[in-house]
Amino acid sequence: MTTDPITLGAFLDPAAIAIVAGGTMFATLLRTSFRDVGHGIAAFGTLARKPFDATPLVDQVAALGRIARRHGVHMLDRSVIADKDVAAAVADIVDGATATEITRLLDERRRARVLRHAAAADMWAGAAEAAPAMGMVGTLVGLVKMFWAMSDPSAIGTGMAVALLATLYGALIANLVAMPIAVRLRRRARAEAEERTRLVAPLAALADKSRVKTPTSFVPASA
């Protein structure tokens, strides 16, 4: 007696996929704002990039300091700065911001970035929570379909496939897709926030050195 080998097609069921994947997406949309959903989808693309390294930006700030000393702070307006935080800080320095104001600006932008990253990670964590529940829903739907077709033995297999595969899909989406993405996003966000603290001192020092000091009036000595 021979049995047919199990193929990949045996693990594909359109009904189970629709219940689990569709239900997970719908539940995620219900519990997450559209803006955070956009952040979560956009953050997924950042996982393929290298971790954030502040060293090139620190070197650029040092170069900007040399330019400011030689040619004046107004020349920094011509600098091409790709990083938005550094660009905003340099623009304020050109406008005469103090070191305290630059420190506050960078802290505010860093906190805002942390919140965006946290919202993106929470979206994927929410999907990881919803997927097993949707798998259980698919299991119940499959069982109902199976019991409904008890009088027709040829139709029982369809309901059982939905029941079993829905549970499988829910576990795979939660543990191999959504939760790993959420964990990696949180780890990447913590690392970037720590790296960005390295920019505060150099930019604050640049602001302090670039402050325009009013020269003292010359008072001739009395004869």
N, C-alpha and C. Protein backbone atom coordinates (compact mmCIF):
# COMPACT_ATOMS: atom_id res chain seq x y z
N MET A 1 0.85 -1.19 0.00
CA MET A 1 0.00 0.00 0.00
C MET A 1 0.89 1.24 0.00
N THR A 2 0.67 2.10 -0.96
CA THR A 2 1.48 3.32 -1.07
C THR A 2 0.61 4.54 -0.77
N THR A 3 1.26 5.56 -0.28
CA THR A 3 0.57 6.82 0.00
C THR A 3 1.22 7.92 -0.81
N ASP A 4 0.42 8.88 -1.21
CA ASP A 4 0.94 10.01 -1.98
C ASP A 4 1.77 10.91 -1.07
N PRO A 5 2.90 11.41 -1.56
CA PRO A 5 3.72 12.31 -0.74
C PRO A 5 3.00 13.63 -0.49
N ILE A 6 3.28 14.22 0.67
CA ILE A 6 2.67 15.50 1.02
C ILE A 6 3.39 16.61 0.26
N THR A 7 2.64 17.42 -0.43
CA THR A 7 3.20 18.53 -1.19
C THR A 7 2.84 19.85 -0.53
N LEU A 8 3.46 20.92 -1.03
CA LEU A 8 3.19 22.25 -0.47
C LEU A 8 1.73 22.65 -0.65
N GLY A 9 1.14 22.17 -1.72
CA GLY A 9 -0.26 22.51 -1.96
C GLY A 9 -1.19 22.00 -0.87
N ALA A 10 -0.77 20.96 -0.15
CA ALA A 10 -1.62 20.44 0.92
C ALA A 10 -1.74 21.41 2.08
N PHE A 11 -0.80 22.37 2.17
CA PHE A 11 -0.82 23.34 3.26
C PHE A 11 -1.41 24.68 2.85
N LEU A 12 -1.98 24.73 1.65
CA LEU A 12 -2.59 25.96 1.17
C LEU A 12 -4.10 25.79 1.10
N ASP A 13 -4.78 26.64 1.80
CA ASP A 13 -6.24 26.62 1.77
C ASP A 13 -6.73 28.06 1.66
N PRO A 14 -7.37 28.43 0.56
CA PRO A 14 -7.81 29.82 0.37
C PRO A 14 -8.75 30.32 1.47
N ALA A 15 -9.65 29.46 1.92
CA ALA A 15 -10.60 29.89 2.95
C ALA A 15 -9.88 30.20 4.26
N ALA A 16 -8.96 29.34 4.66
CA ALA A 16 -8.21 29.57 5.90
C ALA A 16 -7.33 30.80 5.79
N ILE A 17 -6.71 31.00 4.63
CA ILE A 17 -5.88 32.18 4.43
C ILE A 17 -6.72 33.44 4.52
N ALA A 18 -7.89 33.43 3.90
CA ALA A 18 -8.76 34.60 3.92
C ALA A 18 -9.21 34.93 5.33
N ILE A 19 -9.55 33.92 6.12
CA ILE A 19 -10.02 34.16 7.48
C ILE A 19 -8.91 34.71 8.36
N VAL A 20 -7.73 34.08 8.31
CA VAL A 20 -6.65 34.47 9.22
C VAL A 20 -6.00 35.77 8.77
N ALA A 21 -5.57 35.83 7.51
CA ALA A 21 -4.89 37.03 7.03
C ALA A 21 -5.84 38.22 7.00
N GLY A 22 -7.03 38.02 6.44
CA GLY A 22 -8.00 39.11 6.39
C GLY A 22 -8.45 39.55 7.77
N GLY A 23 -8.70 38.59 8.64
CA GLY A 23 -9.12 38.94 10.00
C GLY A 23 -8.04 39.66 10.78
N THR A 24 -6.79 39.23 10.60
CA THR A 24 -5.68 39.88 11.29
C THR A 24 -5.52 41.32 10.82
N MET A 25 -5.59 41.54 9.51
CA MET A 25 -5.49 42.92 8.99
C MET A 25 -6.64 43.78 9.47
N PHE A 26 -7.85 43.24 9.46
CA PHE A 26 -9.01 44.02 9.88
C PHE A 26 -8.92 44.36 11.37
N ALA A 27 -8.52 43.40 12.19
CA ALA A 27 -8.38 43.66 13.62
C ALA A 27 -7.29 44.69 13.90
N THR A 28 -6.21 44.64 13.12
CA THR A 28 -5.12 45.61 13.30
C THR A 28 -5.59 47.00 12.92
N LEU A 29 -6.36 47.12 11.85
CA LEU A 29 -6.86 48.43 11.44
C LEU A 29 -7.84 48.99 12.46
N LEU A 30 -8.62 48.12 13.11
CA LEU A 30 -9.58 48.59 14.10
C LEU A 30 -8.91 49.13 15.35
N ARG A 31 -7.76 48.58 15.71
CA ARG A 31 -7.10 48.96 16.96
C ARG A 31 -5.98 49.95 16.76
N THR A 32 -5.69 50.33 15.51
CA THR A 32 -4.57 51.23 15.22
C THR A 32 -5.04 52.35 14.32
N SER A 33 -4.56 53.57 14.58
CA SER A 33 -4.89 54.70 13.72
C SER A 33 -4.23 54.53 12.35
N PHE A 34 -4.82 55.18 11.34
CA PHE A 34 -4.29 55.05 9.99
C PHE A 34 -2.87 55.62 9.91
N ARG A 35 -2.59 56.67 10.67
CA ARG A 35 -1.25 57.24 10.66
C ARG A 35 -0.23 56.24 11.20
N ASP A 36 -0.58 55.55 12.30
CA ASP A 36 0.34 54.56 12.87
C ASP A 36 0.48 53.34 11.97
N VAL A 37 -0.60 53.01 11.26
CA VAL A 37 -0.50 51.91 10.29
C VAL A 37 0.50 52.28 9.20
N GLY A 38 0.43 53.53 8.74
CA GLY A 38 1.40 53.98 7.74
C GLY A 38 2.82 53.93 8.26
N HIS A 39 3.01 54.35 9.53
CA HIS A 39 4.35 54.28 10.13
C HIS A 39 4.82 52.83 10.24
N GLY A 40 3.90 51.94 10.60
CA GLY A 40 4.28 50.54 10.75
C GLY A 40 4.69 49.91 9.43
N ILE A 41 3.95 50.23 8.37
CA ILE A 41 4.30 49.67 7.06
C ILE A 41 5.61 50.28 6.57
N ALA A 42 5.79 51.59 6.77
CA ALA A 42 7.02 52.25 6.33
C ALA A 42 8.22 51.74 7.13
N ALA A 43 8.03 51.49 8.43
CA ALA A 43 9.14 51.02 9.27
C ALA A 43 9.60 49.64 8.86
N PHE A 44 8.72 48.85 8.27
CA PHE A 44 9.12 47.51 7.83
C PHE A 44 10.27 47.58 6.84
N GLY A 45 10.26 48.62 5.99
CA GLY A 45 11.33 48.75 5.01
C GLY A 45 12.67 49.12 5.61
N THR A 46 12.66 49.72 6.81
CA THR A 46 13.92 50.12 7.43
C THR A 46 14.70 48.93 7.98
N LEU A 47 14.06 47.78 8.14
CA LEU A 47 14.75 46.63 8.69
C LEU A 47 15.84 46.12 7.75
N ALA A 48 15.71 46.40 6.46
CA ALA A 48 16.72 45.95 5.51
C ALA A 48 17.93 46.87 5.48
N ARG A 49 17.83 48.04 6.11
CA ARG A 49 18.95 48.98 6.10
C ARG A 49 19.92 48.66 7.24
N LYS A 50 21.09 49.27 7.14
CA LYS A 50 22.06 49.13 8.21
C LYS A 50 21.60 49.90 9.45
N PRO A 51 21.96 49.47 10.64
CA PRO A 51 21.61 50.22 11.85
C PRO A 51 22.16 51.64 11.80
N PHE A 52 21.44 52.55 12.41
CA PHE A 52 21.84 53.96 12.38
C PHE A 52 23.17 54.14 13.10
N ASP A 53 24.08 54.87 12.45
CA ASP A 53 25.39 55.17 13.01
C ASP A 53 25.58 56.68 12.96
N ALA A 54 25.79 57.30 14.11
CA ALA A 54 25.91 58.75 14.18
C ALA A 54 27.30 59.26 13.85
N THR A 55 28.27 58.36 13.65
CA THR A 55 29.65 58.80 13.43
C THR A 55 29.79 59.73 12.22
N PRO A 56 29.22 59.41 11.05
CA PRO A 56 29.34 60.35 9.92
C PRO A 56 28.74 61.72 10.21
N LEU A 57 27.65 61.75 10.97
CA LEU A 57 27.02 63.03 11.30
C LEU A 57 27.87 63.82 12.30
N VAL A 58 28.49 63.11 13.24
CA VAL A 58 29.38 63.79 14.19
C VAL A 58 30.56 64.41 13.43
N ASP A 59 31.10 63.67 12.46
CA ASP A 59 32.19 64.21 11.66
C ASP A 59 31.72 65.41 10.84
N GLN A 60 30.49 65.35 10.33
CA GLN A 60 29.97 66.47 9.55
C GLN A 60 29.78 67.71 10.42
N VAL A 61 29.30 67.52 11.64
CA VAL A 61 29.15 68.65 12.55
C VAL A 61 30.51 69.27 12.85
N ALA A 62 31.53 68.45 13.02
CA ALA A 62 32.88 68.97 13.25
C ALA A 62 33.35 69.80 12.05
N ALA A 63 33.05 69.32 10.83
CA ALA A 63 33.40 70.08 9.64
C ALA A 63 32.63 71.39 9.56
N LEU A 64 31.38 71.37 9.97
CA LEU A 64 30.58 72.60 9.99
C LEU A 64 31.16 73.60 10.99
N GLY A 65 31.69 73.09 12.09
CA GLY A 65 32.32 73.98 13.06
C GLY A 65 33.53 74.69 12.48
N ARG A 66 34.31 73.96 11.69
CA ARG A 66 35.48 74.59 11.05
C ARG A 66 35.05 75.65 10.03
N ILE A 67 33.98 75.34 9.30
CA ILE A 67 33.47 76.32 8.34
C ILE A 67 33.00 77.58 9.06
N ALA A 68 32.30 77.39 10.17
CA ALA A 68 31.78 78.54 10.92
C ALA A 68 32.91 79.40 11.48
N ARG A 69 33.98 78.76 11.93
CA ARG A 69 35.10 79.53 12.48
C ARG A 69 35.83 80.32 11.39
N ARG A 70 35.95 79.74 10.21
CA ARG A 70 36.73 80.40 9.16
C ARG A 70 35.92 81.43 8.37
N HIS A 71 34.66 81.12 8.10
CA HIS A 71 33.89 81.96 7.19
C HIS A 71 32.64 82.57 7.82
N GLY A 72 32.34 82.21 9.04
CA GLY A 72 31.15 82.74 9.69
C GLY A 72 30.01 81.74 9.68
N VAL A 73 29.14 81.86 10.68
CA VAL A 73 28.06 80.89 10.83
C VAL A 73 27.05 80.96 9.70
N HIS A 74 26.95 82.14 9.05
CA HIS A 74 25.97 82.28 7.97
C HIS A 74 26.30 81.36 6.78
N MET A 75 27.57 80.93 6.66
CA MET A 75 27.95 80.04 5.57
C MET A 75 27.38 78.63 5.74
N LEU A 76 26.90 78.31 6.94
CA LEU A 76 26.33 76.98 7.17
C LEU A 76 25.02 76.79 6.41
N ASP A 77 24.40 77.90 6.00
CA ASP A 77 23.16 77.79 5.23
C ASP A 77 23.37 77.07 3.90
N ARG A 78 24.59 77.08 3.40
CA ARG A 78 24.89 76.46 2.11
C ARG A 78 25.22 74.97 2.23
N SER A 79 25.30 74.49 3.44
CA SER A 79 25.68 73.09 3.66
C SER A 79 24.53 72.16 3.29
N VAL A 80 24.89 71.03 2.72
CA VAL A 80 23.91 70.00 2.38
C VAL A 80 23.92 68.96 3.49
N ILE A 81 22.80 68.87 4.22
CA ILE A 81 22.70 67.97 5.37
C ILE A 81 21.52 67.05 5.15
N ALA A 82 21.79 65.76 5.04
CA ALA A 82 20.73 64.80 4.74
C ALA A 82 19.86 64.51 5.96
N ASP A 83 20.46 64.47 7.14
CA ASP A 83 19.71 64.12 8.35
C ASP A 83 18.82 65.29 8.76
N LYS A 84 17.55 65.03 8.98
CA LYS A 84 16.59 66.10 9.26
C LYS A 84 16.84 66.74 10.62
N ASP A 85 17.23 65.95 11.61
CA ASP A 85 17.47 66.51 12.94
C ASP A 85 18.67 67.47 12.92
N VAL A 86 19.75 67.04 12.30
CA VAL A 86 20.93 67.89 12.22
C VAL A 86 20.64 69.12 11.38
N ALA A 87 19.91 68.96 10.29
CA ALA A 87 19.57 70.10 9.44
C ALA A 87 18.74 71.13 10.21
N ALA A 88 17.78 70.66 11.00
CA ALA A 88 16.96 71.59 11.79
C ALA A 88 17.79 72.30 12.84
N ALA A 89 18.70 71.56 13.48
CA ALA A 89 19.55 72.17 14.50
C ALA A 89 20.48 73.21 13.89
N VAL A 90 21.07 72.91 12.74
CA VAL A 90 21.98 73.85 12.09
C VAL A 90 21.23 75.10 11.64
N ALA A 91 20.01 74.92 11.13
CA ALA A 91 19.21 76.07 10.73
C ALA A 91 18.94 76.99 11.92
N ASP A 92 18.65 76.41 13.08
CA ASP A 92 18.42 77.22 14.27
C ASP A 92 19.71 77.88 14.74
N ILE A 93 20.83 77.19 14.58
CA ILE A 93 22.13 77.78 14.97
C ILE A 93 22.42 79.01 14.11
N VAL A 94 22.14 78.90 12.82
CA VAL A 94 22.34 80.05 11.94
C VAL A 94 21.45 81.21 12.36
N ASP A 95 20.26 80.90 12.88
CA ASP A 95 19.33 81.94 13.33
C ASP A 95 19.68 82.48 14.71
N GLY A 96 20.74 81.93 15.33
CA GLY A 96 21.19 82.46 16.61
C GLY A 96 20.72 81.71 17.83
N ALA A 97 20.32 80.44 17.67
CA ALA A 97 19.85 79.66 18.82
C ALA A 97 20.99 79.39 19.78
N THR A 98 20.65 79.29 21.06
CA THR A 98 21.65 79.00 22.08
C THR A 98 21.86 77.49 22.19
N ALA A 99 22.91 77.11 22.93
CA ALA A 99 23.18 75.69 23.13
C ALA A 99 22.03 75.01 23.86
N THR A 100 21.42 75.71 24.81
CA THR A 100 20.27 75.14 25.54
C THR A 100 19.10 74.90 24.61
N GLU A 101 18.85 75.84 23.72
CA GLU A 101 17.74 75.69 22.77
C GLU A 101 18.00 74.55 21.79
N ILE A 102 19.24 74.39 21.37
CA ILE A 102 19.56 73.30 20.46
C ILE A 102 19.40 71.95 21.16
N THR A 103 19.83 71.89 22.41
CA THR A 103 19.67 70.65 23.18
C THR A 103 18.20 70.30 23.33
N ARG A 104 17.39 71.31 23.62
CA ARG A 104 15.95 71.07 23.76
C ARG A 104 15.33 70.62 22.44
N LEU A 105 15.75 71.23 21.34
CA LEU A 105 15.23 70.85 20.03
C LEU A 105 15.56 69.39 19.71
N LEU A 106 16.79 69.00 19.92
CA LEU A 106 17.18 67.62 19.62
C LEU A 106 16.47 66.62 20.52
N ASP A 107 16.28 66.98 21.79
CA ASP A 107 15.56 66.09 22.70
C ASP A 107 14.11 65.91 22.26
N GLU A 108 13.48 67.00 21.84
CA GLU A 108 12.09 66.92 21.40
C GLU A 108 11.96 66.08 20.14
N ARG A 109 12.86 66.27 19.19
CA ARG A 109 12.80 65.49 17.96
C ARG A 109 13.13 64.02 18.23
N ARG A 110 14.02 63.75 19.15
CA ARG A 110 14.35 62.36 19.48
C ARG A 110 13.16 61.68 20.16
N ARG A 111 12.48 62.39 21.06
CA ARG A 111 11.30 61.81 21.71
C ARG A 111 10.19 61.54 20.69
N ALA A 112 10.00 62.48 19.75
CA ALA A 112 8.97 62.29 18.73
C ALA A 112 9.28 61.07 17.86
N ARG A 113 10.57 60.87 17.55
CA ARG A 113 10.96 59.72 16.75
C ARG A 113 10.75 58.42 17.54
N VAL A 114 11.06 58.43 18.81
CA VAL A 114 10.85 57.25 19.64
C VAL A 114 9.37 56.88 19.68
N LEU A 115 8.51 57.89 19.79
CA LEU A 115 7.07 57.63 19.82
C LEU A 115 6.58 57.05 18.49
N ARG A 116 7.11 57.56 17.38
CA ARG A 116 6.72 57.01 16.07
C ARG A 116 7.17 55.56 15.93
N HIS A 117 8.39 55.29 16.36
CA HIS A 117 8.89 53.92 16.28
C HIS A 117 8.09 52.99 17.19
N ALA A 118 7.73 53.49 18.37
CA ALA A 118 6.95 52.67 19.30
C ALA A 118 5.57 52.36 18.72
N ALA A 119 4.96 53.36 18.05
CA ALA A 119 3.66 53.13 17.44
C ALA A 119 3.75 52.10 16.33
N ALA A 120 4.83 52.15 15.54
CA ALA A 120 5.01 51.17 14.47
C ALA A 120 5.20 49.77 15.04
N ALA A 121 6.00 49.65 16.09
CA ALA A 121 6.21 48.35 16.72
C ALA A 121 4.93 47.84 17.35
N ASP A 122 4.15 48.73 17.95
CA ASP A 122 2.88 48.31 18.56
C ASP A 122 1.90 47.78 17.52
N MET A 123 1.94 48.36 16.31
CA MET A 123 1.05 47.86 15.27
C MET A 123 1.36 46.40 14.95
N TRP A 124 2.66 46.08 14.80
CA TRP A 124 3.03 44.70 14.49
C TRP A 124 2.80 43.79 15.69
N ALA A 125 3.01 44.30 16.90
CA ALA A 125 2.72 43.49 18.09
C ALA A 125 1.22 43.20 18.18
N GLY A 126 0.40 44.19 17.81
CA GLY A 126 -1.05 43.97 17.80
C GLY A 126 -1.44 42.91 16.77
N ALA A 127 -0.78 42.93 15.62
CA ALA A 127 -1.05 41.89 14.61
C ALA A 127 -0.65 40.51 15.14
N ALA A 128 0.45 40.45 15.91
CA ALA A 128 0.88 39.18 16.48
C ALA A 128 -0.14 38.67 17.51
N GLU A 129 -0.80 39.58 18.20
CA GLU A 129 -1.83 39.16 19.16
C GLU A 129 -3.10 38.70 18.44
N ALA A 130 -3.43 39.37 17.34
CA ALA A 130 -4.69 39.07 16.65
C ALA A 130 -4.61 37.79 15.82
N ALA A 131 -3.43 37.49 15.27
CA ALA A 131 -3.32 36.35 14.36
C ALA A 131 -3.74 35.02 14.99
N PRO A 132 -3.26 34.65 16.20
CA PRO A 132 -3.73 33.38 16.79
C PRO A 132 -5.23 33.37 17.05
N ALA A 133 -5.77 34.54 17.44
CA ALA A 133 -7.22 34.60 17.66
C ALA A 133 -7.98 34.36 16.36
N MET A 134 -7.49 34.96 15.26
CA MET A 134 -8.13 34.72 13.97
C MET A 134 -7.96 33.26 13.54
N GLY A 135 -6.82 32.66 13.92
CA GLY A 135 -6.64 31.24 13.65
C GLY A 135 -7.66 30.40 14.38
N MET A 136 -7.97 30.79 15.61
CA MET A 136 -9.01 30.06 16.36
C MET A 136 -10.38 30.26 15.73
N VAL A 137 -10.63 31.48 15.23
CA VAL A 137 -11.90 31.72 14.53
C VAL A 137 -11.99 30.81 13.31
N GLY A 138 -10.89 30.72 12.55
CA GLY A 138 -10.90 29.83 11.40
C GLY A 138 -11.10 28.38 11.79
N THR A 139 -10.53 28.00 12.91
CA THR A 139 -10.72 26.63 13.40
C THR A 139 -12.19 26.35 13.70
N LEU A 140 -12.83 27.30 14.37
CA LEU A 140 -14.25 27.13 14.69
C LEU A 140 -15.11 27.08 13.44
N VAL A 141 -14.77 27.95 12.47
CA VAL A 141 -15.52 27.93 11.21
C VAL A 141 -15.35 26.58 10.51
N GLY A 142 -14.12 26.07 10.50
CA GLY A 142 -13.89 24.77 9.87
C GLY A 142 -14.62 23.64 10.58
N LEU A 143 -14.65 23.69 11.91
CA LEU A 143 -15.36 22.64 12.66
C LEU A 143 -16.85 22.69 12.39
N VAL A 144 -17.40 23.89 12.35
CA VAL A 144 -18.83 24.02 12.03
C VAL A 144 -19.13 23.45 10.66
N LYS A 145 -18.25 23.79 9.70
CA LYS A 145 -18.43 23.28 8.33
C LYS A 145 -18.30 21.76 8.30
N MET A 146 -17.38 21.23 9.10
CA MET A 146 -17.18 19.78 9.13
C MET A 146 -18.39 19.06 9.72
N PHE A 147 -18.89 19.59 10.84
CA PHE A 147 -20.05 18.95 11.48
C PHE A 147 -21.30 19.10 10.63
N TRP A 148 -21.38 20.20 9.89
CA TRP A 148 -22.54 20.41 9.03
C TRP A 148 -22.58 19.39 7.89
N ALA A 149 -21.39 18.91 7.50
CA ALA A 149 -21.30 17.98 6.37
C ALA A 149 -21.10 16.55 6.84
N MET A 150 -21.49 16.22 8.06
CA MET A 150 -21.29 14.86 8.57
C MET A 150 -22.02 13.82 7.74
N SER A 151 -23.11 14.22 7.11
CA SER A 151 -23.86 13.27 6.30
C SER A 151 -23.18 12.99 4.96
N ASP A 152 -22.18 13.84 4.61
CA ASP A 152 -21.46 13.67 3.35
C ASP A 152 -19.98 13.50 3.66
N PRO A 153 -19.51 12.26 3.77
CA PRO A 153 -18.10 12.03 4.15
C PRO A 153 -17.10 12.71 3.23
N SER A 154 -17.45 12.89 1.97
CA SER A 154 -16.50 13.51 1.04
C SER A 154 -16.29 14.98 1.32
N ALA A 155 -17.20 15.62 2.03
CA ALA A 155 -17.09 17.06 2.32
C ALA A 155 -16.49 17.33 3.68
N ILE A 156 -16.28 16.29 4.49
CA ILE A 156 -15.74 16.50 5.83
C ILE A 156 -14.31 16.99 5.77
N GLY A 157 -13.54 16.49 4.81
CA GLY A 157 -12.14 16.87 4.71
C GLY A 157 -11.94 18.36 4.48
N THR A 158 -12.85 18.98 3.75
CA THR A 158 -12.73 20.43 3.49
C THR A 158 -12.82 21.22 4.78
N GLY A 159 -13.79 20.92 5.60
CA GLY A 159 -13.94 21.62 6.87
C GLY A 159 -12.78 21.35 7.81
N MET A 160 -12.30 20.11 7.83
CA MET A 160 -11.17 19.80 8.70
C MET A 160 -9.91 20.53 8.24
N ALA A 161 -9.72 20.66 6.93
CA ALA A 161 -8.55 21.38 6.42
C ALA A 161 -8.57 22.83 6.86
N VAL A 162 -9.74 23.46 6.77
CA VAL A 162 -9.86 24.86 7.21
C VAL A 162 -9.56 24.96 8.70
N ALA A 163 -10.08 24.04 9.49
CA ALA A 163 -9.89 24.08 10.93
C ALA A 163 -8.42 23.96 11.32
N LEU A 164 -7.74 23.01 10.74
CA LEU A 164 -6.34 22.77 11.11
C LEU A 164 -5.40 23.83 10.53
N LEU A 165 -5.60 24.18 9.26
CA LEU A 165 -4.70 25.12 8.62
C LEU A 165 -4.87 26.53 9.16
N ALA A 166 -6.06 26.90 9.58
CA ALA A 166 -6.26 28.23 10.16
C ALA A 166 -5.43 28.39 11.43
N THR A 167 -5.41 27.36 12.26
CA THR A 167 -4.58 27.40 13.46
C THR A 167 -3.11 27.52 13.09
N LEU A 168 -2.69 26.78 12.07
CA LEU A 168 -1.30 26.84 11.62
C LEU A 168 -0.95 28.24 11.11
N TYR A 169 -1.81 28.81 10.28
CA TYR A 169 -1.54 30.13 9.74
C TYR A 169 -1.44 31.19 10.85
N GLY A 170 -2.35 31.10 11.81
CA GLY A 170 -2.32 32.07 12.90
C GLY A 170 -1.02 32.01 13.69
N ALA A 171 -0.55 30.78 13.96
CA ALA A 171 0.70 30.63 14.71
C ALA A 171 1.89 31.12 13.89
N LEU A 172 1.91 30.84 12.59
CA LEU A 172 3.03 31.26 11.75
C LEU A 172 3.08 32.77 11.61
N ILE A 173 1.93 33.40 11.37
CA ILE A 173 1.91 34.86 11.21
C ILE A 173 2.36 35.54 12.50
N ALA A 174 1.90 35.03 13.62
CA ALA A 174 2.24 35.67 14.90
C ALA A 174 3.70 35.50 15.25
N ASN A 175 4.23 34.27 15.11
CA ASN A 175 5.55 33.97 15.65
C ASN A 175 6.69 34.07 14.65
N LEU A 176 6.38 34.03 13.36
CA LEU A 176 7.43 34.11 12.35
C LEU A 176 7.40 35.40 11.54
N VAL A 177 6.36 36.19 11.69
CA VAL A 177 6.25 37.44 10.92
C VAL A 177 6.07 38.63 11.84
N ALA A 178 4.90 38.74 12.44
CA ALA A 178 4.53 39.97 13.14
C ALA A 178 5.38 40.24 14.38
N MET A 179 5.49 39.26 15.28
CA MET A 179 6.24 39.49 16.51
C MET A 179 7.72 39.71 16.27
N PRO A 180 8.39 38.94 15.39
CA PRO A 180 9.80 39.26 15.11
C PRO A 180 10.00 40.66 14.56
N ILE A 181 9.07 41.12 13.71
CA ILE A 181 9.18 42.49 13.19
C ILE A 181 9.05 43.49 14.32
N ALA A 182 8.09 43.30 15.22
CA ALA A 182 7.90 44.22 16.34
C ALA A 182 9.13 44.26 17.24
N VAL A 183 9.70 43.10 17.53
CA VAL A 183 10.89 43.05 18.40
C VAL A 183 12.06 43.76 17.73
N ARG A 184 12.26 43.51 16.45
CA ARG A 184 13.39 44.14 15.75
C ARG A 184 13.20 45.65 15.64
N LEU A 185 11.97 46.11 15.44
CA LEU A 185 11.73 47.55 15.37
C LEU A 185 12.02 48.22 16.71
N ARG A 186 11.63 47.58 17.80
CA ARG A 186 11.91 48.16 19.12
C ARG A 186 13.42 48.18 19.38
N ARG A 187 14.11 47.11 19.03
CA ARG A 187 15.56 47.07 19.23
C ARG A 187 16.24 48.12 18.37
N ARG A 188 15.80 48.27 17.12
CA ARG A 188 16.40 49.27 16.23
C ARG A 188 16.12 50.68 16.74
N ALA A 189 14.92 50.92 17.29
CA ALA A 189 14.59 52.25 17.80
C ALA A 189 15.43 52.61 19.01
N ARG A 190 15.65 51.65 19.91
CA ARG A 190 16.48 51.92 21.08
C ARG A 190 17.91 52.24 20.66
N ALA A 191 18.43 51.47 19.71
CA ALA A 191 19.80 51.71 19.25
C ALA A 191 19.94 53.07 18.59
N GLU A 192 18.96 53.46 17.78
CA GLU A 192 19.05 54.76 17.11
C GLU A 192 18.94 55.91 18.11
N ALA A 193 18.03 55.77 19.08
CA ALA A 193 17.90 56.82 20.09
C ALA A 193 19.20 57.01 20.86
N GLU A 194 19.86 55.90 21.19
CA GLU A 194 21.13 55.99 21.90
C GLU A 194 22.21 56.62 21.03
N GLU A 195 22.23 56.27 19.74
CA GLU A 195 23.22 56.84 18.84
C GLU A 195 23.01 58.35 18.68
N ARG A 196 21.77 58.77 18.62
CA ARG A 196 21.48 60.18 18.38
C ARG A 196 21.86 61.06 19.57
N THR A 197 22.01 60.49 20.74
CA THR A 197 22.48 61.29 21.87
C THR A 197 23.90 61.78 21.64
N ARG A 198 24.65 61.11 20.77
CA ARG A 198 26.01 61.55 20.47
C ARG A 198 26.03 62.87 19.70
N LEU A 199 24.92 63.25 19.11
CA LEU A 199 24.87 64.48 18.32
C LEU A 199 24.59 65.71 19.16
N VAL A 200 24.09 65.51 20.37
CA VAL A 200 23.66 66.65 21.18
C VAL A 200 24.85 67.54 21.56
N ALA A 201 25.89 66.94 22.12
CA ALA A 201 27.03 67.73 22.59
C ALA A 201 27.74 68.48 21.46
N PRO A 202 28.04 67.85 20.31
CA PRO A 202 28.70 68.59 19.24
C PRO A 202 27.86 69.74 18.69
N LEU A 203 26.56 69.52 18.53
CA LEU A 203 25.71 70.59 18.01
C LEU A 203 25.53 71.71 19.03
N ALA A 204 25.44 71.34 20.32
CA ALA A 204 25.35 72.38 21.35
C ALA A 204 26.63 73.19 21.40
N ALA A 205 27.78 72.53 21.25
CA ALA A 205 29.05 73.24 21.23
C ALA A 205 29.14 74.14 20.00
N LEU A 206 28.63 73.68 18.85
CA LEU A 206 28.63 74.51 17.65
C LEU A 206 27.77 75.75 17.85
N ALA A 207 26.63 75.57 18.51
CA ALA A 207 25.77 76.72 18.79
C ALA A 207 26.45 77.69 19.74
N ASP A 208 27.15 77.17 20.73
CA ASP A 208 27.81 78.03 21.71
C ASP A 208 28.94 78.83 21.05
N LYS A 209 29.69 78.18 20.17
CA LYS A 209 30.81 78.86 19.51
C LYS A 209 30.35 79.82 18.42
N SER A 210 29.16 79.58 17.90
CA SER A 210 28.68 80.39 16.78
C SER A 210 27.88 81.59 17.21
N ARG A 211 27.69 81.73 18.50
CA ARG A 211 26.93 82.88 18.99
C ARG A 211 27.68 84.17 18.64
N VAL A 212 26.97 85.10 18.09
CA VAL A 212 27.59 86.37 17.72
C VAL A 212 27.72 87.22 18.96
N LYS A 213 28.93 87.58 19.26
CA LYS A 213 29.19 88.38 20.44
C LYS A 213 29.37 89.83 20.02
N THR A 214 28.67 90.70 20.67
CA THR A 214 28.78 92.11 20.36
C THR A 214 30.08 92.65 20.92
N PRO A 215 30.93 93.26 20.08
CA PRO A 215 32.20 93.74 20.60
C PRO A 215 31.98 94.89 21.56
N THR A 216 32.85 94.94 22.56
CA THR A 216 32.75 96.02 23.55
C THR A 216 33.24 97.33 22.93
N SER A 217 32.61 98.43 23.31
CA SER A 217 32.96 99.73 22.78
C SER A 217 34.33 100.14 23.30
N PHE A 218 35.11 100.80 22.43
CA PHE A 218 36.45 101.25 22.81
C PHE A 218 36.34 102.61 23.46
N VAL A 219 36.84 102.71 24.65
CA VAL A 219 36.82 103.97 25.39
C VAL A 219 38.25 104.44 25.53
N PRO A 220 38.60 105.54 24.89
CA PRO A 220 40.00 106.00 24.98
C PRO A 220 40.35 106.40 26.38
N ALA A 221 41.59 106.14 26.73
CA ALA A 221 42.06 106.50 28.07
C ALA A 221 42.16 108.01 28.18
N SER A 222 41.81 108.50 29.36
CA SER A 222 41.86 109.95 29.57
C SER A 222 43.31 110.42 29.67
N ALA A 223 43.57 111.57 29.15
CA ALA A 223 44.93 112.11 29.15
C ALA A 223 45.34 112.44 30.59
